[in-house]
């Protein structure tokens, strides 16, 4: 992972730490992603989503708040639920 991709991963952690994406955070994300190639951005976004899925399902319980967080990540990063494992897709199918 390049230094820029690591910076992006760190920014994603910071943005989604509280589950709320603020305007300033969205603008920082747009600035950083515009400096990277599309493949690196997509790869970093998917890796972040998979990491978050692993964190929320670690206790084998998916709470409503965790479902919303995953849905927010998918929506904000314009990812497809197809980027998630099958269990996650099933859990989020009605979001």
N, C-alpha and C. Protein backbone atom coordinates (compact mmCIF):
# COMPACT_ATOMS: atom_id res chain seq x y z
N UNK A 1 0.86 -1.18 0.00
CA UNK A 1 0.00 0.00 0.00
C UNK A 1 0.90 1.24 0.00
N UNK A 2 0.63 2.14 -0.92
CA UNK A 2 1.44 3.35 -1.02
C UNK A 2 1.13 4.29 0.16
N UNK A 3 1.96 5.29 0.30
CA UNK A 3 1.76 6.27 1.37
C UNK A 3 0.42 7.00 1.20
N UNK A 4 0.07 7.33 -0.03
CA UNK A 4 -1.20 8.01 -0.30
C UNK A 4 -2.39 7.11 0.02
N UNK A 5 -2.28 5.82 -0.33
CA UNK A 5 -3.36 4.88 -0.01
C UNK A 5 -3.48 4.70 1.50
N UNK A 6 -2.36 4.69 2.20
CA UNK A 6 -2.39 4.60 3.66
C UNK A 6 -3.05 5.84 4.25
N UNK A 7 -2.74 7.00 3.70
CA UNK A 7 -3.37 8.24 4.16
C UNK A 7 -4.87 8.18 3.94
N UNK A 8 -5.29 7.63 2.81
CA UNK A 8 -6.71 7.48 2.53
C UNK A 8 -7.36 6.53 3.53
N UNK A 9 -6.72 5.41 3.80
CA UNK A 9 -7.27 4.45 4.77
C UNK A 9 -7.39 5.07 6.16
N UNK A 10 -6.41 5.86 6.55
CA UNK A 10 -6.45 6.54 7.84
C UNK A 10 -7.58 7.57 7.87
N UNK A 11 -7.75 8.29 6.79
CA UNK A 11 -8.84 9.27 6.70
C UNK A 11 -10.19 8.57 6.79
N UNK A 12 -10.35 7.44 6.13
CA UNK A 12 -11.61 6.70 6.20
C UNK A 12 -11.91 6.27 7.63
N UNK A 13 -10.91 5.79 8.34
CA UNK A 13 -11.10 5.41 9.75
C UNK A 13 -11.60 6.61 10.55
N UNK A 14 -10.98 7.75 10.33
CA UNK A 14 -11.35 8.97 11.05
C UNK A 14 -12.78 9.41 10.71
N UNK A 15 -13.10 9.38 9.44
CA UNK A 15 -14.43 9.84 8.99
C UNK A 15 -15.53 8.98 9.58
N UNK A 16 -15.36 7.67 9.52
CA UNK A 16 -16.44 6.77 9.93
C UNK A 16 -16.35 6.33 11.38
N UNK A 17 -15.44 6.91 12.13
CA UNK A 17 -15.28 6.55 13.53
C UNK A 17 -16.55 6.82 14.33
N UNK A 18 -17.18 7.94 14.07
CA UNK A 18 -18.40 8.29 14.81
C UNK A 18 -19.67 7.99 14.03
N UNK A 19 -19.53 7.47 12.81
CA UNK A 19 -20.70 7.10 12.03
C UNK A 19 -21.38 8.27 11.33
N UNK A 20 -20.83 9.46 11.49
CA UNK A 20 -21.41 10.66 10.87
C UNK A 20 -20.39 11.26 9.93
N UNK A 21 -20.80 11.49 8.69
CA UNK A 21 -19.90 12.09 7.71
C UNK A 21 -20.23 13.56 7.60
N UNK A 22 -19.31 14.38 8.06
CA UNK A 22 -19.51 15.82 8.03
C UNK A 22 -19.04 16.40 6.70
N UNK A 23 -19.51 17.59 6.39
CA UNK A 23 -19.19 18.24 5.12
C UNK A 23 -17.68 18.38 4.96
N UNK A 24 -16.99 18.83 6.00
CA UNK A 24 -15.54 19.00 5.93
C UNK A 24 -14.84 17.66 5.67
N UNK A 25 -15.33 16.61 6.29
CA UNK A 25 -14.73 15.29 6.07
C UNK A 25 -14.94 14.83 4.63
N UNK A 26 -16.12 15.07 4.12
CA UNK A 26 -16.41 14.70 2.73
C UNK A 26 -15.51 15.47 1.78
N UNK A 27 -15.28 16.74 2.06
CA UNK A 27 -14.40 17.55 1.21
C UNK A 27 -12.96 17.06 1.28
N UNK A 28 -12.47 16.71 2.46
CA UNK A 28 -11.11 16.16 2.59
C UNK A 28 -11.00 14.86 1.81
N UNK A 29 -12.03 14.04 1.89
CA UNK A 29 -12.03 12.78 1.16
C UNK A 29 -11.97 13.02 -0.35
N UNK A 30 -12.75 13.96 -0.83
CA UNK A 30 -12.75 14.27 -2.26
C UNK A 30 -11.39 14.79 -2.72
N UNK A 31 -10.77 15.65 -1.90
CA UNK A 31 -9.45 16.18 -2.27
C UNK A 31 -8.41 15.06 -2.35
N UNK A 32 -8.42 14.19 -1.35
CA UNK A 32 -7.42 13.11 -1.33
C UNK A 32 -7.66 12.12 -2.46
N UNK A 33 -8.90 11.74 -2.70
CA UNK A 33 -9.16 10.75 -3.75
C UNK A 33 -8.87 11.31 -5.14
N UNK A 34 -8.99 12.62 -5.30
CA UNK A 34 -8.71 13.21 -6.61
C UNK A 34 -7.23 13.15 -6.95
N UNK A 35 -6.38 12.95 -5.93
CA UNK A 35 -4.94 12.88 -6.18
C UNK A 35 -4.46 11.44 -6.43
N UNK A 36 -5.36 10.48 -6.35
CA UNK A 36 -5.02 9.07 -6.56
C UNK A 36 -5.69 8.54 -7.82
N UNK A 37 -5.14 7.46 -8.37
CA UNK A 37 -5.82 6.87 -9.52
C UNK A 37 -7.04 6.08 -9.05
N UNK A 38 -7.98 5.91 -9.94
CA UNK A 38 -9.27 5.30 -9.60
C UNK A 38 -9.13 3.88 -9.05
N UNK A 39 -8.19 3.12 -9.58
CA UNK A 39 -8.02 1.74 -9.11
C UNK A 39 -7.53 1.71 -7.67
N UNK A 40 -6.62 2.60 -7.31
CA UNK A 40 -6.11 2.66 -5.94
C UNK A 40 -7.22 3.08 -4.98
N UNK A 41 -8.03 4.04 -5.39
CA UNK A 41 -9.14 4.49 -4.55
C UNK A 41 -10.13 3.35 -4.34
N UNK A 42 -10.52 2.70 -5.42
CA UNK A 42 -11.49 1.61 -5.32
C UNK A 42 -10.96 0.48 -4.44
N UNK A 43 -9.72 0.14 -4.62
CA UNK A 43 -9.11 -0.93 -3.83
C UNK A 43 -9.08 -0.56 -2.34
N UNK A 44 -8.72 0.66 -2.03
CA UNK A 44 -8.66 1.12 -0.64
C UNK A 44 -10.05 1.16 -0.03
N UNK A 45 -11.03 1.64 -0.78
CA UNK A 45 -12.42 1.67 -0.30
C UNK A 45 -12.92 0.27 0.01
N UNK A 46 -12.69 -0.67 -0.92
CA UNK A 46 -13.16 -2.05 -0.70
C UNK A 46 -12.47 -2.69 0.49
N UNK A 47 -11.17 -2.45 0.63
CA UNK A 47 -10.43 -3.00 1.78
C UNK A 47 -10.98 -2.43 3.09
N UNK A 48 -11.30 -1.15 3.10
CA UNK A 48 -11.86 -0.52 4.30
C UNK A 48 -13.22 -1.13 4.64
N UNK A 49 -14.05 -1.31 3.63
CA UNK A 49 -15.37 -1.89 3.85
C UNK A 49 -15.26 -3.30 4.40
N UNK A 50 -14.40 -4.10 3.84
CA UNK A 50 -14.21 -5.47 4.33
C UNK A 50 -13.67 -5.49 5.75
N UNK A 51 -12.77 -4.56 6.06
CA UNK A 51 -12.23 -4.46 7.41
C UNK A 51 -13.34 -4.11 8.40
N UNK A 52 -14.18 -3.16 8.03
CA UNK A 52 -15.29 -2.76 8.91
C UNK A 52 -16.25 -3.93 9.11
N UNK A 53 -16.53 -4.67 8.04
CA UNK A 53 -17.40 -5.83 8.18
C UNK A 53 -16.80 -6.80 9.20
N UNK A 54 -15.53 -7.06 9.09
CA UNK A 54 -14.86 -7.96 10.03
C UNK A 54 -14.97 -7.47 11.46
N UNK A 55 -14.87 -6.17 11.65
CA UNK A 55 -14.97 -5.60 12.99
C UNK A 55 -16.39 -5.74 13.55
N UNK A 56 -17.39 -5.44 12.74
CA UNK A 56 -18.76 -5.44 13.28
C UNK A 56 -19.29 -6.85 13.49
N UNK A 57 -18.79 -7.82 12.75
CA UNK A 57 -19.30 -9.18 12.87
C UNK A 57 -18.43 -10.04 13.80
N UNK A 58 -17.37 -9.48 14.34
CA UNK A 58 -16.44 -10.23 15.18
C UNK A 58 -17.14 -10.91 16.36
N UNK A 59 -18.20 -10.29 16.88
CA UNK A 59 -18.93 -10.87 18.01
C UNK A 59 -20.14 -11.68 17.55
N UNK A 60 -20.25 -11.93 16.25
CA UNK A 60 -21.36 -12.69 15.65
C UNK A 60 -22.72 -12.03 15.84
N UNK A 61 -22.73 -10.73 16.12
CA UNK A 61 -23.98 -9.99 16.28
C UNK A 61 -23.86 -8.73 15.44
N UNK A 62 -24.86 -8.49 14.61
CA UNK A 62 -24.91 -7.29 13.80
C UNK A 62 -26.03 -6.41 14.34
N UNK A 63 -25.66 -5.36 15.04
CA UNK A 63 -26.65 -4.47 15.65
C UNK A 63 -27.25 -3.54 14.59
N UNK A 64 -28.38 -2.93 14.90
CA UNK A 64 -28.95 -1.95 13.97
C UNK A 64 -27.99 -0.79 13.68
N UNK A 65 -27.23 -0.36 14.67
CA UNK A 65 -26.27 0.72 14.46
C UNK A 65 -25.15 0.28 13.51
N UNK A 66 -24.71 -0.96 13.66
CA UNK A 66 -23.67 -1.47 12.77
C UNK A 66 -24.19 -1.62 11.35
N UNK A 67 -25.43 -2.04 11.20
CA UNK A 67 -26.04 -2.12 9.86
C UNK A 67 -26.06 -0.74 9.21
N UNK A 68 -26.47 0.26 10.00
CA UNK A 68 -26.51 1.62 9.46
C UNK A 68 -25.13 2.12 9.09
N UNK A 69 -24.13 1.81 9.92
CA UNK A 69 -22.77 2.23 9.61
C UNK A 69 -22.30 1.61 8.29
N UNK A 70 -22.50 0.32 8.15
CA UNK A 70 -22.10 -0.34 6.90
C UNK A 70 -22.84 0.25 5.70
N UNK A 71 -24.13 0.49 5.88
CA UNK A 71 -24.91 1.10 4.80
C UNK A 71 -24.41 2.49 4.46
N UNK A 72 -24.03 3.24 5.48
CA UNK A 72 -23.50 4.59 5.26
C UNK A 72 -22.17 4.52 4.52
N UNK A 73 -21.32 3.58 4.89
CA UNK A 73 -20.03 3.42 4.21
C UNK A 73 -20.25 3.09 2.74
N UNK A 74 -21.12 2.13 2.48
CA UNK A 74 -21.42 1.75 1.09
C UNK A 74 -21.94 2.95 0.31
N UNK A 75 -22.86 3.70 0.91
CA UNK A 75 -23.45 4.85 0.23
C UNK A 75 -22.48 6.00 0.02
N UNK A 76 -21.77 6.37 1.06
CA UNK A 76 -20.85 7.50 0.98
C UNK A 76 -19.69 7.24 0.02
N UNK A 77 -19.21 6.01 0.01
CA UNK A 77 -18.07 5.69 -0.84
C UNK A 77 -18.51 5.19 -2.22
N UNK A 78 -19.83 5.19 -2.43
CA UNK A 78 -20.41 4.76 -3.71
C UNK A 78 -19.93 3.37 -4.11
N UNK A 79 -19.95 2.49 -3.11
CA UNK A 79 -19.59 1.09 -3.33
C UNK A 79 -20.84 0.28 -3.59
N UNK A 80 -20.64 -0.89 -4.07
CA UNK A 80 -21.73 -1.83 -4.26
C UNK A 80 -21.74 -2.80 -3.09
N UNK A 81 -22.92 -3.22 -2.68
CA UNK A 81 -22.97 -4.23 -1.63
C UNK A 81 -22.32 -5.52 -2.12
N UNK A 82 -22.14 -5.65 -3.43
CA UNK A 82 -21.43 -6.81 -3.98
C UNK A 82 -19.97 -6.85 -3.53
N UNK A 83 -19.47 -5.72 -3.02
CA UNK A 83 -18.10 -5.66 -2.51
C UNK A 83 -18.00 -6.29 -1.13
N UNK A 84 -19.12 -6.64 -0.54
CA UNK A 84 -19.15 -7.26 0.79
C UNK A 84 -19.26 -8.78 0.69
N UNK A 85 -18.87 -9.48 1.75
CA UNK A 85 -19.11 -10.92 1.79
C UNK A 85 -20.61 -11.21 1.73
N UNK A 86 -20.96 -12.42 1.35
CA UNK A 86 -22.37 -12.80 1.17
C UNK A 86 -23.20 -12.50 2.43
N UNK A 87 -22.68 -12.84 3.62
CA UNK A 87 -23.45 -12.61 4.85
C UNK A 87 -23.77 -11.14 5.02
N UNK A 88 -22.82 -10.29 4.69
CA UNK A 88 -23.03 -8.84 4.81
C UNK A 88 -24.07 -8.37 3.81
N UNK A 89 -24.01 -8.90 2.61
CA UNK A 89 -25.00 -8.52 1.58
C UNK A 89 -26.42 -8.88 2.05
N UNK A 90 -26.55 -10.04 2.62
CA UNK A 90 -27.86 -10.46 3.12
C UNK A 90 -28.32 -9.57 4.25
N UNK A 91 -27.41 -9.20 5.12
CA UNK A 91 -27.76 -8.34 6.25
C UNK A 91 -28.16 -6.94 5.83
N UNK A 92 -27.62 -6.48 4.71
CA UNK A 92 -27.87 -5.11 4.25
C UNK A 92 -28.85 -5.04 3.10
N UNK A 93 -29.46 -6.14 2.72
CA UNK A 93 -30.27 -6.16 1.50
C UNK A 93 -31.44 -5.19 1.51
N UNK A 94 -31.93 -4.80 2.67
CA UNK A 94 -33.09 -3.91 2.70
C UNK A 94 -32.72 -2.47 3.04
N UNK A 95 -31.43 -2.13 3.01
CA UNK A 95 -31.04 -0.75 3.27
C UNK A 95 -31.14 0.09 2.02
